């Protein structure tokens, strides 16, 4: 019994030393302009109030503005999306948030390219882990969403440090983190807006595209991994079981992205069928009547991510469609049978 007590004390001491060490390493080496700490702080401050979750990958994190959603829908929302967020991680985030908040609606962005990944990638799993508040949720994700080899990277910041002798980075971190501004909670990142959203002002410089001819499909549903579809079904079932409204959306792409994908109609048809089978709403804004008029290249930071200005427009359009949908209007008339970038060529072909 005495030996067990001694062993227990030693384990506690080791854990205490490790805890102190990790916090020191993170303070010294974690870049001062990371958005993660600010997101976590805002999320925890709103615990018990969040009614609408904006979920998905970077297209949602950059494309849907929580402030506009709050104002337009009369709700309290939070953007829980992150870069290349794996669907099993999205499931854990939704479940974790619903445990601590009166969640009524989940707006989930469809990201076909991410659904083609067999493994989410350790860095992206770390973003998910950092968005989970509950110890039970964190442990569940480690067990079911991460391999044992990934645990050190996810749990220990020291495992992520690549250069322990980068004096200039340490100096800059100390300079900012010890400042009164940083201590008071000021966000030292010009691209971070609020409630989990990233808002960049950069504009896509590529030539504006007006019409496209369908090419070889490079974004085929055949490439979607089965385990990812199972996780999407799992999210649908969880929302139904907990009386949470689920809206699937495909955030607008630039004409340049659609050109690079060759033909997006196969993917569109795939998710239309999925939504019908699962009895959920799916709005593909790449089939939106006003796609070409509203989402020109100056509304994107790159081919597939909306910038600050594009996100504001998209959020307003999403609010409009959602409110009219809730009032019983037929919002399907807002969407075409084909992507507008293909429309002029198809119409011309019909005339000929």
Protein backbone atom coordinates (compact mmCIF):
# COMPACT_ATOMS: atom_id res chain seq x y z
CA UNK A 1 0.00 0.00 0.00
CA UNK A 2 2.88 2.33 0.91
CA UNK A 3 4.58 1.60 -2.43
CA UNK A 4 1.38 2.29 -4.36
CA UNK A 5 1.09 5.67 -2.64
CA UNK A 6 4.72 6.51 -3.51
CA UNK A 7 4.18 5.52 -7.12
CA UNK A 8 1.01 7.65 -7.25
CA UNK A 9 2.83 10.69 -5.87
CA UNK A 10 5.66 10.25 -8.40
CA UNK A 11 3.18 10.02 -11.27
CA UNK A 12 1.46 13.20 -10.10
CA UNK A 13 4.83 14.99 -9.86
CA UNK A 14 5.77 13.87 -13.37
CA UNK A 15 2.43 15.08 -14.71
CA UNK A 16 2.82 18.42 -12.89
CA UNK A 17 6.31 18.94 -14.34
CA UNK A 18 5.06 17.97 -17.81
CA UNK A 19 2.15 20.40 -17.48
CA UNK A 20 4.45 23.28 -16.53
CA UNK A 21 6.94 22.38 -19.28
CA UNK A 22 4.24 22.23 -21.95
CA UNK A 23 2.80 25.60 -20.92
CA UNK A 24 6.25 27.23 -21.00
CA UNK A 25 7.04 25.73 -24.41
CA UNK A 26 3.67 26.81 -25.81
CA UNK A 27 4.09 30.34 -24.46
CA UNK A 28 7.56 30.66 -25.98
CA UNK A 29 7.03 28.96 -29.34
CA UNK A 30 3.33 29.16 -30.21
CA UNK A 31 3.00 32.07 -32.69
CA UNK A 32 1.33 35.08 -31.07
CA UNK A 33 -1.04 35.51 -34.03
CA UNK A 34 -2.60 32.04 -33.97
CA UNK A 35 -6.40 32.26 -34.03
CA UNK A 36 -6.98 29.10 -31.97
CA UNK A 37 -6.68 30.68 -28.49
CA UNK A 38 -9.02 33.52 -29.42
CA UNK A 39 -11.58 31.12 -30.91
CA UNK A 40 -11.51 28.98 -27.77
CA UNK A 41 -11.90 32.02 -25.52
CA UNK A 42 -14.91 33.35 -27.47
CA UNK A 43 -16.51 29.93 -27.64
CA UNK A 44 -16.24 29.34 -23.90
CA UNK A 45 -17.60 32.82 -23.16
CA UNK A 46 -20.74 31.96 -25.17
CA UNK A 47 -21.27 28.53 -23.58
CA UNK A 48 -24.97 27.98 -22.91
CA UNK A 49 -26.11 30.50 -25.54
CA UNK A 50 -25.14 29.13 -28.97
CA UNK A 51 -28.17 28.10 -31.05
CA UNK A 52 -26.73 27.83 -34.57
CA UNK A 53 -23.56 26.00 -35.59
CA UNK A 54 -21.72 26.82 -38.81
CA UNK A 55 -19.77 23.65 -39.55
CA UNK A 56 -17.36 22.28 -42.10
CA UNK A 57 -14.01 23.06 -43.62
CA UNK A 58 -12.14 26.25 -44.57
CA UNK A 59 -14.77 27.21 -47.18
CA UNK A 60 -17.24 27.67 -44.31
CA UNK A 61 -14.71 29.18 -41.90
CA UNK A 62 -13.97 31.87 -44.48
CA UNK A 63 -17.35 31.93 -46.20
CA UNK A 64 -20.05 32.34 -43.53
CA UNK A 65 -20.07 35.39 -41.25
CA UNK A 66 -21.61 34.64 -37.81
CA UNK A 67 -22.46 38.30 -37.20
CA UNK A 68 -24.60 38.45 -40.34
CA UNK A 69 -26.20 35.11 -39.48
CA UNK A 70 -27.00 36.36 -35.95
CA UNK A 71 -28.50 39.61 -37.21
CA UNK A 72 -30.47 38.03 -40.08
CA UNK A 73 -31.79 34.97 -38.26
CA UNK A 74 -32.16 36.37 -34.76
CA UNK A 75 -29.89 33.68 -33.35
CA UNK A 76 -26.55 33.19 -31.59
CA UNK A 77 -24.21 31.37 -33.94
CA UNK A 78 -20.63 30.19 -33.91
CA UNK A 79 -18.35 29.16 -36.77
CA UNK A 80 -16.82 25.82 -35.73
CA UNK A 81 -15.25 25.06 -39.12
CA UNK A 82 -11.52 24.56 -39.66
CA UNK A 83 -9.15 23.75 -42.49
CA UNK A 84 -9.77 20.32 -44.06
CA UNK A 85 -11.86 19.34 -41.05
CA UNK A 86 -12.45 15.55 -41.14
CA UNK A 87 -16.12 14.57 -40.96
CA UNK A 88 -15.63 12.40 -37.87
CA UNK A 89 -14.18 15.52 -36.24
CA UNK A 90 -17.19 17.57 -37.36
CA UNK A 91 -19.44 14.97 -35.75
CA UNK A 92 -17.55 15.25 -32.44
CA UNK A 93 -17.65 19.06 -32.57
CA UNK A 94 -21.43 19.12 -33.17
CA UNK A 95 -22.01 16.62 -30.37
CA UNK A 96 -19.72 18.51 -27.98
CA UNK A 97 -21.36 21.88 -28.72
CA UNK A 98 -24.86 20.43 -28.41
CA UNK A 99 -24.05 19.12 -24.92
CA UNK A 100 -23.23 22.61 -23.71
CA UNK A 101 -25.54 24.80 -25.78
CA UNK A 102 -29.21 24.93 -26.89
CA UNK A 103 -28.29 24.05 -30.48
CA UNK A 104 -31.30 24.21 -32.80
CA UNK A 105 -29.72 24.45 -36.26
CA UNK A 106 -26.59 23.10 -37.92
CA UNK A 107 -25.50 24.59 -41.24
CA UNK A 108 -22.97 22.14 -42.64
CA UNK A 109 -20.80 22.98 -45.62
CA UNK A 110 -20.20 20.18 -48.12
CA UNK A 111 -16.51 19.82 -49.05
CA UNK A 112 -16.19 17.09 -51.70
CA UNK A 113 -12.39 17.36 -51.98
CA UNK A 114 -11.98 16.74 -48.23
CA UNK A 115 -14.38 13.79 -48.42
CA UNK A 116 -11.97 12.15 -50.83
CA UNK A 117 -9.23 12.02 -48.21
CA UNK A 118 -8.66 8.65 -46.59
CA UNK A 119 -7.04 10.20 -43.54
CA UNK A 120 -7.69 13.71 -42.27
CA UNK A 121 -4.06 14.56 -41.48
CA UNK A 122 -2.67 15.08 -37.98
CA UNK A 123 -2.47 18.87 -38.18
CA UNK A 124 -6.13 19.14 -39.17
CA UNK A 125 -7.15 16.71 -36.43
CA UNK A 126 -5.37 18.99 -33.96
CA UNK A 127 -7.64 21.86 -35.04
CA UNK A 128 -10.64 19.65 -34.29
CA UNK A 129 -9.26 18.61 -30.90
CA UNK A 130 -8.75 22.26 -29.97
CA UNK A 131 -12.41 23.00 -30.80
CA UNK A 132 -13.66 20.43 -28.29
CA UNK A 133 -14.38 21.72 -24.78
CA UNK A 134 -15.39 18.57 -22.94
CA UNK A 135 -12.78 16.13 -21.63
CA UNK A 136 -15.13 13.32 -22.64
CA UNK A 137 -15.34 14.70 -26.20
CA UNK A 138 -11.57 15.12 -26.46
CA UNK A 139 -10.98 11.57 -25.24
CA UNK A 140 -13.63 10.21 -27.60
CA UNK A 141 -11.98 11.92 -30.58
CA UNK A 142 -8.54 10.66 -29.59
CA UNK A 143 -9.89 7.11 -29.35
CA UNK A 144 -12.06 7.04 -32.46
CA UNK A 145 -10.60 9.70 -34.75
CA UNK A 146 -6.84 9.57 -34.17
CA UNK A 147 -4.15 6.90 -34.21
CA UNK A 148 -1.88 6.36 -31.19
CA UNK A 149 1.05 7.70 -33.24
CA UNK A 150 -0.82 11.02 -33.58
CA UNK A 151 -1.50 11.47 -29.85
CA UNK A 152 1.84 13.12 -28.93
CA UNK A 153 1.48 15.77 -31.66
CA UNK A 154 -2.13 16.48 -30.71
CA UNK A 155 -1.65 16.47 -26.93
CA UNK A 156 1.83 17.99 -26.55
CA UNK A 157 2.74 21.33 -28.05
CA UNK A 158 6.41 20.46 -27.61
CA UNK A 159 5.96 17.70 -30.22
CA UNK A 160 5.04 20.34 -32.81
CA UNK A 161 8.07 22.60 -32.32
CA UNK A 162 10.38 22.25 -35.31
CA UNK A 163 13.18 24.60 -34.26
CA UNK A 164 13.94 25.05 -30.56
CA UNK A 165 16.75 27.48 -31.40
CA UNK A 166 14.68 30.02 -33.33
CA UNK A 167 15.59 32.99 -31.14
CA UNK A 168 13.89 35.62 -33.30
CA UNK A 169 10.54 33.81 -33.06
CA UNK A 170 10.87 33.51 -29.27
CA UNK A 171 11.77 37.18 -28.97
CA UNK A 172 8.80 38.31 -31.05
CA UNK A 173 6.42 36.02 -29.13
CA UNK A 174 7.62 37.34 -25.78
CA UNK A 175 7.43 40.93 -26.98
CA UNK A 176 3.79 40.57 -28.05
CA UNK A 177 2.53 38.13 -25.41
CA UNK A 178 3.90 40.22 -22.55
CA UNK A 179 2.29 43.38 -23.95
CA UNK A 180 -0.74 44.88 -22.25
CA UNK A 181 -2.75 44.63 -25.50
CA UNK A 182 -2.26 40.86 -25.73
CA UNK A 183 -2.95 40.33 -22.04
CA UNK A 184 -6.20 42.29 -22.36
CA UNK A 185 -7.35 39.83 -25.02
CA UNK A 186 -6.83 41.92 -28.14
CA UNK A 187 -6.70 39.73 -31.24
CA UNK A 188 -3.28 40.08 -32.86
CA UNK A 189 -4.39 38.74 -36.23
CA UNK A 190 -5.86 41.03 -38.87
CA UNK A 191 -7.55 38.11 -40.65
CA UNK A 192 -9.54 36.91 -37.66
CA UNK A 193 -12.98 38.47 -37.44
CA UNK A 194 -15.10 36.96 -34.69
CA UNK A 195 -16.80 33.76 -33.50
CA UNK A 196 -14.41 31.42 -35.31
CA UNK A 197 -14.46 33.18 -38.69
CA UNK A 198 -11.41 34.04 -40.81
CA UNK A 199 -11.98 37.05 -43.10
CA UNK A 200 -9.28 37.82 -45.66
CA UNK A 201 -9.28 40.92 -47.86
CA UNK A 202 -7.11 39.45 -50.61
CA UNK A 203 -8.75 39.31 -54.06
CA UNK A 204 -8.35 36.64 -56.73
CA UNK A 205 -6.34 38.15 -59.58
CA UNK A 206 -7.09 35.56 -62.26
CA UNK A 207 -9.02 36.46 -65.39
CA UNK A 208 -12.77 36.59 -64.90
CA UNK A 209 -14.62 33.65 -66.45
CA UNK A 210 -18.13 34.14 -67.85
CA UNK A 211 -18.97 30.84 -69.52
CA UNK A 212 -17.54 27.34 -69.29
CA UNK A 213 -17.77 24.18 -71.33
CA UNK A 214 -17.99 21.02 -69.28
CA UNK A 215 -14.74 19.10 -69.31
CA UNK A 216 -13.54 15.85 -67.79
CA UNK A 217 -14.91 15.51 -64.25
CA UNK A 218 -12.03 15.78 -61.76
CA UNK A 219 -14.28 15.88 -58.71
CA UNK A 220 -16.06 12.56 -59.06
CA UNK A 221 -18.33 11.04 -56.39
CA UNK A 222 -16.55 7.75 -57.08
CA UNK A 223 -13.52 9.17 -55.26
CA UNK A 224 -15.43 9.87 -52.03
CA UNK A 225 -14.26 7.51 -49.30
CA UNK A 226 -16.90 5.24 -47.81
CA UNK A 227 -15.89 6.04 -44.23
CA UNK A 228 -16.50 9.74 -44.89
CA UNK A 229 -20.01 9.11 -46.18
CA UNK A 230 -20.68 6.99 -43.09
CA UNK A 231 -19.67 9.94 -40.93
CA UNK A 232 -21.95 12.28 -42.88
CA UNK A 233 -24.85 9.86 -42.34
CA UNK A 234 -23.88 9.74 -38.66
CA UNK A 235 -24.19 13.53 -38.46
CA UNK A 236 -27.60 13.41 -40.17
CA UNK A 237 -28.82 10.74 -37.74
CA UNK A 238 -27.50 12.59 -34.68
CA UNK A 239 -29.29 15.79 -35.71
CA UNK A 240 -32.55 13.93 -36.31
CA UNK A 241 -32.33 12.09 -32.99
CA UNK A 242 -31.77 15.36 -31.14
CA UNK A 243 -34.35 17.45 -33.07
CA UNK A 244 -31.62 19.64 -34.58
CA UNK A 245 -32.37 21.17 -37.96
CA UNK A 246 -29.66 20.29 -40.50
CA UNK A 247 -29.02 22.35 -43.62
CA UNK A 248 -26.38 21.15 -46.09
CA UNK A 249 -24.84 23.87 -48.26
CA UNK A 250 -22.21 23.99 -50.95
CA UNK A 251 -20.45 27.34 -50.61
CA UNK A 252 -19.97 29.23 -53.93
CA UNK A 253 -16.85 28.52 -55.96
CA UNK A 254 -15.21 30.88 -58.41
CA UNK A 255 -15.55 30.17 -62.12
CA UNK A 256 -11.83 29.38 -62.08
CA UNK A 257 -12.35 26.61 -59.52
CA UNK A 258 -15.26 25.18 -61.49
CA UNK A 259 -13.07 25.22 -64.60
CA UNK A 260 -10.32 23.36 -62.71
CA UNK A 261 -12.82 20.72 -61.55
CA UNK A 262 -13.92 20.10 -65.15
CA UNK A 263 -17.56 19.30 -64.43
CA UNK A 264 -19.27 19.79 -61.06
CA UNK A 265 -22.65 18.39 -62.12
CA UNK A 266 -21.83 14.79 -61.10
CA UNK A 267 -21.03 15.89 -57.55
CA UNK A 268 -24.12 18.10 -57.45
CA UNK A 269 -26.38 15.24 -58.53
CA UNK A 270 -24.75 12.93 -56.00
CA UNK A 271 -25.55 15.20 -53.05
CA UNK A 272 -29.03 16.03 -54.33
CA UNK A 273 -29.77 12.30 -54.29
CA UNK A 274 -28.15 11.92 -50.86
CA UNK A 275 -30.28 14.74 -49.43
CA UNK A 276 -33.46 13.22 -50.86
CA UNK A 277 -32.62 9.80 -49.41
CA UNK A 278 -31.80 11.25 -46.00
CA UNK A 279 -34.70 13.73 -46.06
CA UNK A 280 -32.51 16.78 -45.39
CA UNK A 281 -32.19 20.15 -47.10
CA UNK A 282 -29.33 20.73 -49.55
CA UNK A 283 -28.64 24.08 -51.20
CA UNK A 284 -25.90 24.10 -53.81
CA UNK A 285 -24.96 27.74 -54.26
CA UNK A 286 -22.92 26.82 -57.34
CA UNK A 287 -26.35 26.39 -58.94
CA UNK A 288 -27.65 29.67 -57.50
CA UNK A 289 -29.28 31.92 -60.10
CA UNK A 290 -27.19 34.90 -59.03
CA UNK A 291 -23.89 33.01 -58.77
CA UNK A 292 -22.12 34.76 -61.66
CA UNK A 293 -23.52 38.20 -60.88
CA UNK A 294 -22.72 38.18 -57.16
CA UNK A 295 -19.59 36.08 -56.85
CA UNK A 296 -17.10 37.54 -59.25
CA UNK A 297 -13.36 37.03 -58.73
CA UNK A 298 -13.03 40.09 -56.51
CA UNK A 299 -15.20 38.25 -53.96
CA UNK A 300 -12.66 35.41 -53.60
CA UNK A 301 -9.25 35.27 -51.95
CA UNK A 302 -8.34 32.25 -54.10
CA UNK A 303 -10.18 29.89 -56.43
CA UNK A 304 -12.39 28.24 -53.82
CA UNK A 305 -12.38 30.50 -50.75
CA UNK A 306 -14.55 33.59 -50.45
CA UNK A 307 -12.86 36.67 -49.07
CA UNK A 308 -14.31 39.09 -46.50
CA UNK A 309 -16.50 40.81 -49.11
CA UNK A 310 -17.71 37.59 -50.71
CA UNK A 311 -18.49 36.09 -47.31
CA UNK A 312 -20.66 39.07 -46.42
CA UNK A 313 -22.66 38.71 -49.64
CA UNK A 314 -22.98 34.94 -49.30
CA UNK A 315 -24.05 35.18 -45.67
CA UNK A 316 -26.75 37.70 -46.60
CA UNK A 317 -27.98 35.47 -49.45
CA UNK A 318 -27.98 32.44 -47.15
CA UNK A 319 -30.02 34.37 -44.58
CA UNK A 320 -32.51 35.42 -47.28
CA UNK A 321 -32.94 31.88 -48.61
CA UNK A 322 -33.23 30.41 -45.11
CA UNK A 323 -35.81 32.94 -43.92
CA UNK A 324 -37.98 32.43 -46.99
CA UNK A 325 -37.62 28.67 -46.62
CA UNK A 326 -38.80 28.92 -43.01
CA UNK A 327 -41.78 31.01 -44.05
CA UNK A 328 -42.89 28.25 -46.42
CA UNK A 329 -41.75 29.74 -49.73
CA UNK A 330 -40.44 27.49 -52.49
CA UNK A 331 -36.77 28.51 -52.48
CA UNK A 332 -35.93 25.86 -55.08
CA UNK A 333 -36.74 28.52 -57.67
CA UNK A 334 -33.61 30.36 -56.49
CA UNK A 335 -31.52 27.53 -57.93
CA UNK A 336 -31.12 26.43 -61.53
CA UNK A 337 -31.02 22.96 -63.03
CA UNK A 338 -27.43 23.53 -64.07
CA UNK A 339 -24.50 25.66 -62.93
CA UNK A 340 -24.87 29.18 -64.41
CA UNK A 341 -21.36 29.01 -65.89
CA UNK A 342 -22.58 26.23 -68.22
CA UNK A 343 -25.94 27.81 -68.97
CA UNK A 344 -25.08 30.15 -71.86
CA UNK A 345 -23.31 27.42 -73.80
CA UNK A 346 -26.13 24.93 -73.21
CA UNK A 347 -28.72 27.53 -74.27
CA UNK A 348 -26.69 28.29 -77.38
CA UNK A 349 -26.50 24.59 -78.15
CA UNK A 350 -30.28 24.25 -77.84
CA UNK A 351 -30.81 27.17 -80.26
CA UNK A 352 -28.51 25.61 -82.82
